[in-house]
Protein backbone atom coordinates (compact mmCIF):
# COMPACT_ATOMS: atom_id res chain seq x y z
CA UNK A 1 0.00 0.00 0.00
CA UNK A 2 1.00 3.61 -0.39
CA UNK A 3 2.25 5.19 2.82
CA UNK A 4 0.02 7.30 5.03
CA UNK A 5 1.93 10.34 3.77
CA UNK A 6 0.91 9.50 0.19
CA UNK A 7 4.38 8.31 -0.86
CA UNK A 8 4.82 5.97 -3.76
CA UNK A 9 5.25 2.28 -3.15
CA UNK A 10 8.68 0.67 -3.18
CA UNK A 11 7.56 -1.39 -6.17
CA UNK A 12 7.59 1.79 -8.24
CA UNK A 13 11.27 2.32 -7.46
CA UNK A 14 11.95 -1.33 -8.28
CA UNK A 15 10.32 -0.76 -11.66
CA UNK A 16 12.41 2.40 -12.20
CA UNK A 17 15.56 0.36 -11.54
CA UNK A 18 14.45 -2.65 -13.60
CA UNK A 19 13.62 -0.66 -16.75
CA UNK A 20 16.36 1.94 -16.12
CA UNK A 21 14.07 5.00 -16.05
CA UNK A 22 16.85 7.40 -15.06
CA UNK A 23 19.89 9.17 -16.47
CA UNK A 24 22.81 6.74 -16.82
CA UNK A 25 25.57 9.20 -17.64
CA UNK A 26 27.89 10.20 -14.81
CA UNK A 27 26.27 7.99 -12.20
CA UNK A 28 28.25 8.04 -8.99
CA UNK A 29 27.93 6.22 -5.71
CA UNK A 30 27.61 8.32 -2.56
CA UNK A 31 31.34 7.80 -1.93
CA UNK A 32 32.18 9.30 -5.35
CA UNK A 33 32.96 6.17 -7.39
CA UNK A 34 31.83 6.04 -11.03
CA UNK A 35 28.99 3.56 -11.53
CA UNK A 36 28.05 1.71 -14.71
CA UNK A 37 25.08 -0.68 -14.70
CA UNK A 38 26.02 -3.54 -17.01
CA UNK A 39 23.07 -5.69 -15.84
CA UNK A 40 20.45 -4.47 -13.31
CA UNK A 41 19.82 -8.07 -12.23
CA UNK A 42 16.74 -10.27 -11.96
CA UNK A 43 13.85 -9.07 -9.81
CA UNK A 44 13.35 -11.28 -6.78
CA UNK A 45 9.72 -12.05 -5.88
CA UNK A 46 10.71 -14.00 -2.78
CA UNK A 47 12.63 -13.19 0.38
CA UNK A 48 15.98 -11.43 0.25
CA UNK A 49 17.32 -8.57 -1.88
CA UNK A 50 15.13 -7.02 -4.57
CA UNK A 51 17.46 -7.82 -7.50
CA UNK A 52 19.76 -10.82 -7.79
CA UNK A 53 22.80 -11.49 -9.97
CA UNK A 54 23.42 -7.86 -10.94
CA UNK A 55 26.60 -6.85 -12.74
CA UNK A 56 27.93 -3.40 -11.85
CA UNK A 57 31.14 -1.65 -12.71
CA UNK A 58 32.12 0.51 -9.75
CA UNK A 59 35.33 2.43 -10.26
CA UNK A 60 37.63 0.09 -12.13
CA UNK A 61 36.16 -3.15 -10.77
CA UNK A 62 33.19 -5.22 -11.98
CA UNK A 63 31.01 -6.51 -9.16
CA UNK A 64 28.60 -9.44 -9.36
CA UNK A 65 25.99 -9.42 -6.62
CA UNK A 66 22.63 -8.18 -5.42
CA UNK A 67 20.87 -4.81 -5.32
CA UNK A 68 18.47 -3.68 -2.60
CA UNK A 69 15.92 -0.92 -3.28
CA UNK A 70 14.29 1.41 -0.75
CA UNK A 71 12.39 4.68 -0.81
CA UNK A 72 14.41 5.88 2.20
CA UNK A 73 17.94 4.81 3.14
CA UNK A 74 16.93 4.24 6.77
CA UNK A 75 14.55 1.45 5.73
CA UNK A 76 17.58 -0.85 5.51
CA UNK A 77 17.63 -0.85 9.31
CA UNK A 78 13.88 -0.60 9.96
CA UNK A 79 13.48 -3.74 7.80
CA UNK A 80 16.27 -5.46 9.80
CA UNK A 81 18.40 -6.20 6.75
CA UNK A 82 21.49 -5.52 8.88
CA UNK A 83 20.64 -8.70 10.86
CA UNK A 84 19.72 -10.91 7.90
CA UNK A 85 22.46 -12.95 6.23
CA UNK A 86 20.42 -13.09 2.99
CA UNK A 87 21.58 -9.48 2.42
CA UNK A 88 25.30 -10.18 2.78
CA UNK A 89 25.59 -10.39 -1.02
CA UNK A 90 24.24 -6.86 -1.60
CA UNK A 91 26.68 -4.82 -3.64
CA UNK A 92 24.57 -1.68 -4.06
CA UNK A 93 21.89 -0.04 -1.92
CA UNK A 94 19.61 2.21 -4.02
CA UNK A 95 17.22 4.77 -2.52
CA UNK A 96 15.50 8.12 -3.11
CA UNK A 97 15.90 9.72 0.32
CA UNK A 98 19.22 9.97 2.13
CA UNK A 99 19.30 8.72 5.71
CA UNK A 100 21.49 9.27 8.75
CA UNK A 101 23.77 6.26 8.33
CA UNK A 102 24.84 3.92 5.54
CA UNK A 103 23.69 0.31 5.34
CA UNK A 104 25.74 -2.44 6.94
CA UNK A 105 25.31 -6.18 6.50
CA UNK A 106 25.22 -8.98 9.07
CA UNK A 107 28.83 -9.91 8.21
CA UNK A 108 29.97 -6.32 8.76
CA UNK A 109 30.54 -4.89 5.27
CA UNK A 110 29.03 -1.68 3.88
CA UNK A 111 27.51 -1.94 0.38
CA UNK A 112 27.99 0.89 -2.07
CA UNK A 113 25.06 3.31 -2.12
CA UNK A 114 23.28 5.21 -4.89
CA UNK A 115 21.01 8.17 -4.19
CA UNK A 116 18.88 7.86 -7.31
CA UNK A 117 16.67 10.94 -7.00
CA UNK A 118 19.11 13.31 -8.70
CA UNK A 119 19.34 11.02 -11.75
CA UNK A 120 15.61 10.63 -12.41
CA UNK A 121 14.41 12.60 -15.41
CA UNK A 122 11.50 15.02 -15.63
CA UNK A 123 8.52 14.57 -15.59
CA UNK A 124 8.97 11.40 -13.51
CA UNK A 125 11.05 13.45 -11.08
CA UNK A 126 8.23 15.96 -10.62
CA UNK A 127 5.71 13.15 -10.24
CA UNK A 128 7.73 11.61 -7.41
CA UNK A 129 8.17 14.95 -5.66
CA UNK A 130 4.61 16.21 -5.81
CA UNK A 131 2.34 15.60 -2.87
CA UNK A 132 -1.09 14.04 -3.33
CA UNK A 133 -3.67 16.76 -3.96
CA UNK A 134 -6.79 16.30 -1.87
CA UNK A 135 -9.39 14.21 -3.69
CA UNK A 136 -7.38 14.01 -6.91
CA UNK A 137 -5.41 11.26 -8.60
CA UNK A 138 -1.62 11.02 -8.04
CA UNK A 139 -0.75 12.02 -11.61
CA UNK A 140 -2.96 15.13 -11.69
CA UNK A 141 -0.94 17.95 -13.22
CA UNK A 142 1.07 15.57 -15.44
CA UNK A 143 -1.75 14.54 -17.74
CA UNK A 144 -2.03 17.44 -20.16
CA UNK A 145 -0.78 15.32 -23.06
CA UNK A 146 -2.93 12.27 -22.30
CA UNK A 147 -5.45 11.43 -24.98
CA UNK A 148 -8.94 10.17 -24.28
CA UNK A 149 -8.03 7.00 -26.17
CA UNK A 150 -5.17 6.20 -23.77
CA UNK A 151 -7.34 6.79 -20.72
CA UNK A 152 -10.14 4.63 -22.07
CA UNK A 153 -7.67 1.86 -22.92
CA UNK A 154 -6.45 1.89 -19.32
CA UNK A 155 -10.00 1.76 -17.96
CA UNK A 156 -10.88 -1.13 -20.27
CA UNK A 157 -7.85 -2.95 -18.91
CA UNK A 158 -8.88 -2.15 -15.32
CA UNK A 159 -12.43 -3.38 -16.00
CA UNK A 160 -11.12 -6.69 -17.33
CA UNK A 161 -8.63 -7.02 -14.46
CA UNK A 162 -11.33 -6.42 -11.86
CA UNK A 163 -13.28 -9.40 -13.17
CA UNK A 164 -10.14 -11.55 -13.03
CA UNK A 165 -9.42 -10.24 -9.52
CA UNK A 166 -12.91 -11.24 -8.37
CA UNK A 167 -12.66 -14.69 -9.94
CA UNK A 168 -9.28 -15.21 -8.28
CA UNK A 169 -10.74 -14.14 -4.95
CA UNK A 170 -13.46 -16.78 -5.29
CA UNK A 171 -10.86 -19.39 -6.17
CA UNK A 172 -9.02 -18.54 -2.94
CA UNK A 173 -12.18 -19.52 -1.04
CA UNK A 174 -12.61 -22.74 -3.04
CA UNK A 175 -11.84 -25.69 -0.72
CA UNK A 176 -9.85 -28.34 -2.53
CA UNK A 177 -10.70 -31.95 -1.77
CA UNK A 178 -14.47 -31.45 -1.96
CA UNK A 179 -16.67 -32.32 -4.94
CA UNK A 180 -16.84 -29.43 -7.43
CA UNK A 181 -20.48 -28.69 -6.61
CA UNK A 182 -19.85 -28.42 -2.85
CA UNK A 183 -16.60 -26.50 -3.21
CA UNK A 184 -18.08 -24.02 -5.69
CA UNK A 185 -21.13 -23.36 -3.52
CA UNK A 186 -18.84 -22.85 -0.52
CA UNK A 187 -16.82 -20.22 -2.40
CA UNK A 188 -19.94 -18.49 -3.73
CA UNK A 189 -21.68 -18.33 -0.34
CA UNK A 190 -18.53 -17.21 1.49
CA UNK A 191 -17.86 -14.30 -0.86
CA UNK A 192 -21.55 -13.40 -0.93
CA UNK A 193 -21.55 -12.97 2.87
CA UNK A 194 -18.25 -11.08 2.71
CA UNK A 195 -19.56 -8.67 0.05
CA UNK A 196 -22.73 -7.96 2.02
CA UNK A 197 -20.52 -7.01 4.95
CA UNK A 198 -19.43 -3.91 2.99
CA UNK A 199 -16.41 -2.09 4.39
CA UNK A 200 -17.13 -2.35 8.11
CA UNK A 201 -18.10 -6.00 8.56
CA UNK A 202 -16.46 -8.01 5.79
CA UNK A 203 -14.34 -10.07 8.16
CA UNK A 204 -17.09 -11.06 10.65
CA UNK A 205 -19.47 -11.83 7.77
CA UNK A 206 -16.89 -14.11 6.19
CA UNK A 207 -16.29 -15.79 9.55
CA UNK A 208 -20.04 -16.27 9.98
CA UNK A 209 -20.27 -17.92 6.56
CA UNK A 210 -17.52 -20.34 7.55
CA UNK A 211 -19.33 -21.32 10.74
CA UNK A 212 -22.61 -21.84 8.91
CA UNK A 213 -21.07 -23.91 6.13
CA UNK A 214 -19.64 -26.28 8.76
CA UNK A 215 -23.10 -26.90 10.25
CA UNK A 216 -25.50 -29.62 9.11
CA UNK A 217 -28.54 -28.91 11.27
CA UNK A 218 -29.93 -25.58 10.05
CA UNK A 219 -33.70 -25.51 9.34
CA UNK A 220 -35.02 -25.53 5.78
CA UNK A 221 -37.89 -23.11 6.41
CA UNK A 222 -36.76 -19.62 5.21
CA UNK A 223 -37.79 -17.61 8.29
CA UNK A 224 -36.50 -20.23 10.72
CA UNK A 225 -33.25 -20.46 8.75
CA UNK A 226 -32.79 -16.68 8.86
CA UNK A 227 -33.62 -16.47 12.58
CA UNK A 228 -31.13 -19.25 13.29
CA UNK A 229 -28.39 -17.45 11.37
CA UNK A 230 -29.08 -14.17 13.19
CA UNK A 231 -28.92 -16.01 16.51
CA UNK A 232 -25.62 -17.71 15.61
CA UNK A 233 -24.16 -14.36 14.44
CA UNK A 234 -24.75 -12.71 17.83
CA UNK A 235 -25.34 -9.43 16.08
CA UNK A 236 -25.53 -7.44 19.33
CA UNK A 237 -21.94 -8.33 20.20
CA UNK A 238 -20.20 -5.05 19.51
CA UNK A 239 -16.75 -6.55 19.91
CA UNK A 240 -17.52 -8.58 16.76
CA UNK A 241 -19.83 -6.38 14.71
CA UNK A 242 -19.28 -2.78 13.66
CA UNK A 243 -22.43 -0.69 14.09
CA UNK A 244 -20.75 2.73 13.87
CA UNK A 245 -21.66 5.11 11.05
CA UNK A 246 -23.78 2.55 9.24
CA UNK A 247 -26.74 3.56 7.12
CA UNK A 248 -29.85 1.58 8.11
CA UNK A 249 -29.62 -0.68 5.05
CA UNK A 250 -25.99 -1.58 5.86
CA UNK A 251 -26.40 -2.35 9.56
CA UNK A 252 -25.27 -5.85 10.53
CA UNK A 253 -28.74 -7.12 11.47
CA UNK A 254 -30.09 -6.25 8.01
CA UNK A 255 -27.09 -7.58 6.08
CA UNK A 256 -27.08 -10.84 8.03
CA UNK A 257 -30.75 -11.45 7.25
CA UNK A 258 -30.15 -10.66 3.58
CA UNK A 259 -27.11 -12.95 3.40
CA UNK A 260 -29.00 -15.76 5.13
CA UNK A 261 -31.96 -15.46 2.76
CA UNK A 262 -29.71 -15.62 -0.29
CA UNK A 263 -27.63 -18.40 1.29
CA UNK A 264 -30.68 -20.63 1.64
CA UNK A 265 -31.87 -19.97 -1.92
CA UNK A 266 -28.41 -20.71 -3.33
CA UNK A 267 -28.38 -24.03 -1.46
CA UNK A 268 -31.93 -24.94 -2.49
CA UNK A 269 -31.24 -24.30 -6.17
CA UNK A 270 -30.28 -27.65 -7.77
CA UNK A 271 -26.66 -27.54 -8.91
CA UNK A 272 -27.66 -28.67 -12.40
CA UNK A 273 -29.65 -25.43 -12.75
CA UNK A 274 -26.49 -23.34 -12.50
CA UNK A 275 -25.00 -25.42 -15.30
CA UNK A 276 -28.11 -25.43 -17.44
CA UNK A 277 -29.45 -21.90 -16.98
CA UNK A 278 -26.27 -19.98 -16.21
CA UNK A 279 -26.74 -16.33 -15.28
CA UNK A 280 -30.54 -16.47 -15.36
CA UNK A 281 -30.36 -18.67 -12.24
CA UNK A 282 -29.62 -15.51 -10.27
CA UNK A 283 -32.92 -13.86 -11.23
CA UNK A 284 -34.78 -17.01 -10.24
CA UNK A 285 -33.26 -17.28 -6.77
CA UNK A 286 -33.65 -13.52 -6.16
CA UNK A 287 -37.34 -13.81 -7.03
CA UNK A 288 -37.81 -16.37 -4.24
CA UNK A 289 -36.45 -14.09 -1.50
CA UNK A 290 -39.13 -12.18 0.43
CA UNK A 291 -38.99 -8.39 -0.11
CA UNK A 292 -38.13 -7.63 3.54
CA UNK A 293 -35.01 -9.81 3.29
CA UNK A 294 -33.89 -8.69 -0.16
CA UNK A 295 -30.90 -6.32 -0.56
CA UNK A 296 -31.54 -3.02 -2.35
CA UNK A 297 -31.23 -2.84 -6.13
CA UNK A 298 -27.72 -1.40 -6.02
CA UNK A 299 -26.45 -4.18 -3.74
CA UNK A 300 -28.26 -6.77 -5.86
CA UNK A 301 -26.33 -5.50 -8.89
CA UNK A 302 -23.04 -5.57 -6.97
CA UNK A 303 -23.67 -9.16 -5.88
CA UNK A 304 -24.64 -10.23 -9.40
CA UNK A 305 -21.77 -8.50 -11.19
CA UNK A 306 -18.89 -8.88 -8.73
CA UNK A 307 -19.78 -12.21 -7.08
CA UNK A 308 -22.17 -14.30 -9.16
CA UNK A 309 -20.74 -13.61 -12.63
CA UNK A 310 -17.12 -14.31 -11.56
CA UNK A 311 -18.41 -17.43 -9.76
CA UNK A 312 -20.16 -18.53 -12.95
CA UNK A 313 -16.93 -17.94 -14.90
CA UNK A 314 -15.00 -19.98 -12.31
CA UNK A 315 -17.54 -22.80 -12.61
CA UNK A 316 -17.14 -22.77 -16.38
CA UNK A 317 -13.38 -22.90 -15.96
CA UNK A 318 -13.58 -25.82 -13.53
CA UNK A 319 -15.94 -27.81 -15.77
CA UNK A 320 -14.41 -26.77 -19.12
CA UNK A 321 -17.61 -24.98 -20.18
CA UNK A 322 -16.83 -22.16 -22.60
CA UNK A 323 -20.54 -21.41 -22.71
CA UNK A 324 -20.63 -20.43 -19.03
CA UNK A 325 -17.36 -18.52 -19.28
CA UNK A 326 -18.39 -16.57 -22.37
CA UNK A 327 -21.79 -15.74 -20.90
CA UNK A 328 -20.24 -14.43 -17.69
CA UNK A 329 -17.64 -12.35 -19.53
CA UNK A 330 -20.17 -10.86 -21.94
CA UNK A 331 -22.53 -9.84 -19.15
CA UNK A 332 -19.62 -8.35 -17.22
CA UNK A 333 -18.48 -6.30 -20.19
CA UNK A 334 -22.02 -5.01 -20.75
CA UNK A 335 -22.82 -4.40 -17.08
CA UNK A 336 -23.85 -0.89 -16.14
CA UNK A 337 -23.63 -0.01 -12.44
CA UNK A 338 -24.57 3.04 -10.43
CA UNK A 339 -21.20 3.75 -8.86
CA UNK A 340 -21.08 5.81 -5.66
CA UNK A 341 -20.01 9.44 -5.82
CA UNK A 342 -16.80 8.76 -3.87
CA UNK A 343 -15.57 6.58 -6.77
CA UNK A 344 -16.43 9.09 -9.49
CA UNK A 345 -15.31 12.25 -7.69
CA UNK A 346 -11.49 11.81 -8.00
CA UNK A 347 -11.77 11.30 -11.77
CA UNK A 348 -14.05 14.32 -12.13
CA UNK A 349 -11.75 16.52 -10.00
CA UNK A 350 -8.74 15.45 -12.05
CA UNK A 351 -10.45 16.48 -15.29
CA UNK A 352 -10.22 13.04 -16.89
CA UNK A 353 -12.82 11.90 -19.47
CA UNK A 354 -14.35 9.13 -17.36
CA UNK A 355 -18.00 9.59 -18.42
CA UNK A 356 -18.04 6.69 -20.87
CA UNK A 357 -17.04 4.38 -18.00
CA UNK A 358 -19.07 5.93 -15.18
CA UNK A 359 -21.14 2.73 -14.97
CA UNK A 360 -18.20 0.31 -15.17
CA UNK A 361 -16.60 -1.40 -12.20
CA UNK A 362 -13.25 -0.85 -13.87
CA UNK A 363 -13.31 2.64 -12.31
CA UNK A 364 -13.40 1.03 -8.88
CA UNK A 365 -10.40 -1.14 -9.72
CA UNK A 366 -8.52 1.78 -11.24
CA UNK A 367 -9.04 3.97 -8.17
CA UNK A 368 -8.41 1.34 -5.49
CA UNK A 369 -5.66 -0.78 -6.99
CA UNK A 370 -3.85 1.66 -9.26
CA UNK A 371 -4.31 5.21 -7.98
CA UNK A 372 -4.76 4.83 -4.23
CA UNK A 373 -2.17 2.04 -4.07
CA UNK A 374 0.11 4.12 -6.28
CA UNK A 375 0.71 1.25 -8.66
CA UNK A 376 1.37 3.94 -11.24
CA UNK A 377 4.13 2.00 -13.01
CA UNK A 378 1.50 -0.52 -14.14
CA UNK A 379 -0.77 2.18 -15.58
CA UNK A 380 -0.89 3.35 -19.22
CA UNK A 381 -1.52 6.95 -18.08
CA UNK A 382 1.63 6.99 -15.98
CA UNK A 383 3.80 5.54 -18.72
CA UNK A 384 2.58 8.12 -21.23
CA UNK A 385 2.84 11.00 -18.74
CA UNK A 386 6.51 10.34 -17.94
CA UNK A 387 7.33 10.27 -21.64
CA UNK A 388 5.53 13.52 -22.47
């Protein structure tokens, strides 16, 4: 995540090093040695230094070793690299902000250091320096040359990625070792409860789903089933459930009843119906829920688009059904949501042409997982803006 001060993530600096987005001429280490990067190394996705097997010419010698990347030099110590023998092979410590003391390794040597900020070219340099403007996107002020086509291409990518993200999330809740029908229903019901928890109660709702799915003695009558779930949830327990600042529709008691009603209908729908009827199964089970236990239209759309359609795609993937997969993808692409104002506002304030996508969940993905997380180096807008 981006820091509380709005700083960019360390992964951005790793990308800058990996693709060499800085001025190479006259690079010098902090001790004044000439530095030539003959090979930046291989990015390490596991434990240990960020880049392995780098080849660097420092002064007159060629060094083969590792490179560690930080936003601030002091993070070497706050991350306890000075105590970790995996970092004894670090040849170069790269950072943007100078600290109070140079890095040292567990075996007592001091790697060379490179303060990279002075070598980063405009406009990337300005982008790294600028502070987040309230309510706006990180790259606001650097987007004058961005075309509508580029922005729309990025949002189309974000819309597609969000679907994949949701399908992957369902797969994470899919218990291996069970029959496909049981495992798929478990994943669907778990994520359905979690989604109905909205921001304040996702975790307890997910935990509740897990408890219920382990039980075999719940009643089949809808009202008795719902009352039993509410009783098991212990909704009045304020150490478990967040009641603060909730609109009436989002309060735990209401969401639990809604989740329980949908849970029962999902279980009572024969599994073959999901295979045979696909997406239309959702309308059928929704129609069987009594109005007082039915989520509002906006939440119904969220559940259908971000839970049921990815679940249907996952089912098609598990059972090699291109029909189910294609149906789910087509409906996702054509979905039109009423997104909340807090999602649309940053795009409007930044002056970006978002209107064509104002009903697409890709805007949610773009804001949460690109802009607010400062994953700018993965974004088409960012890559164009630093080249303009």
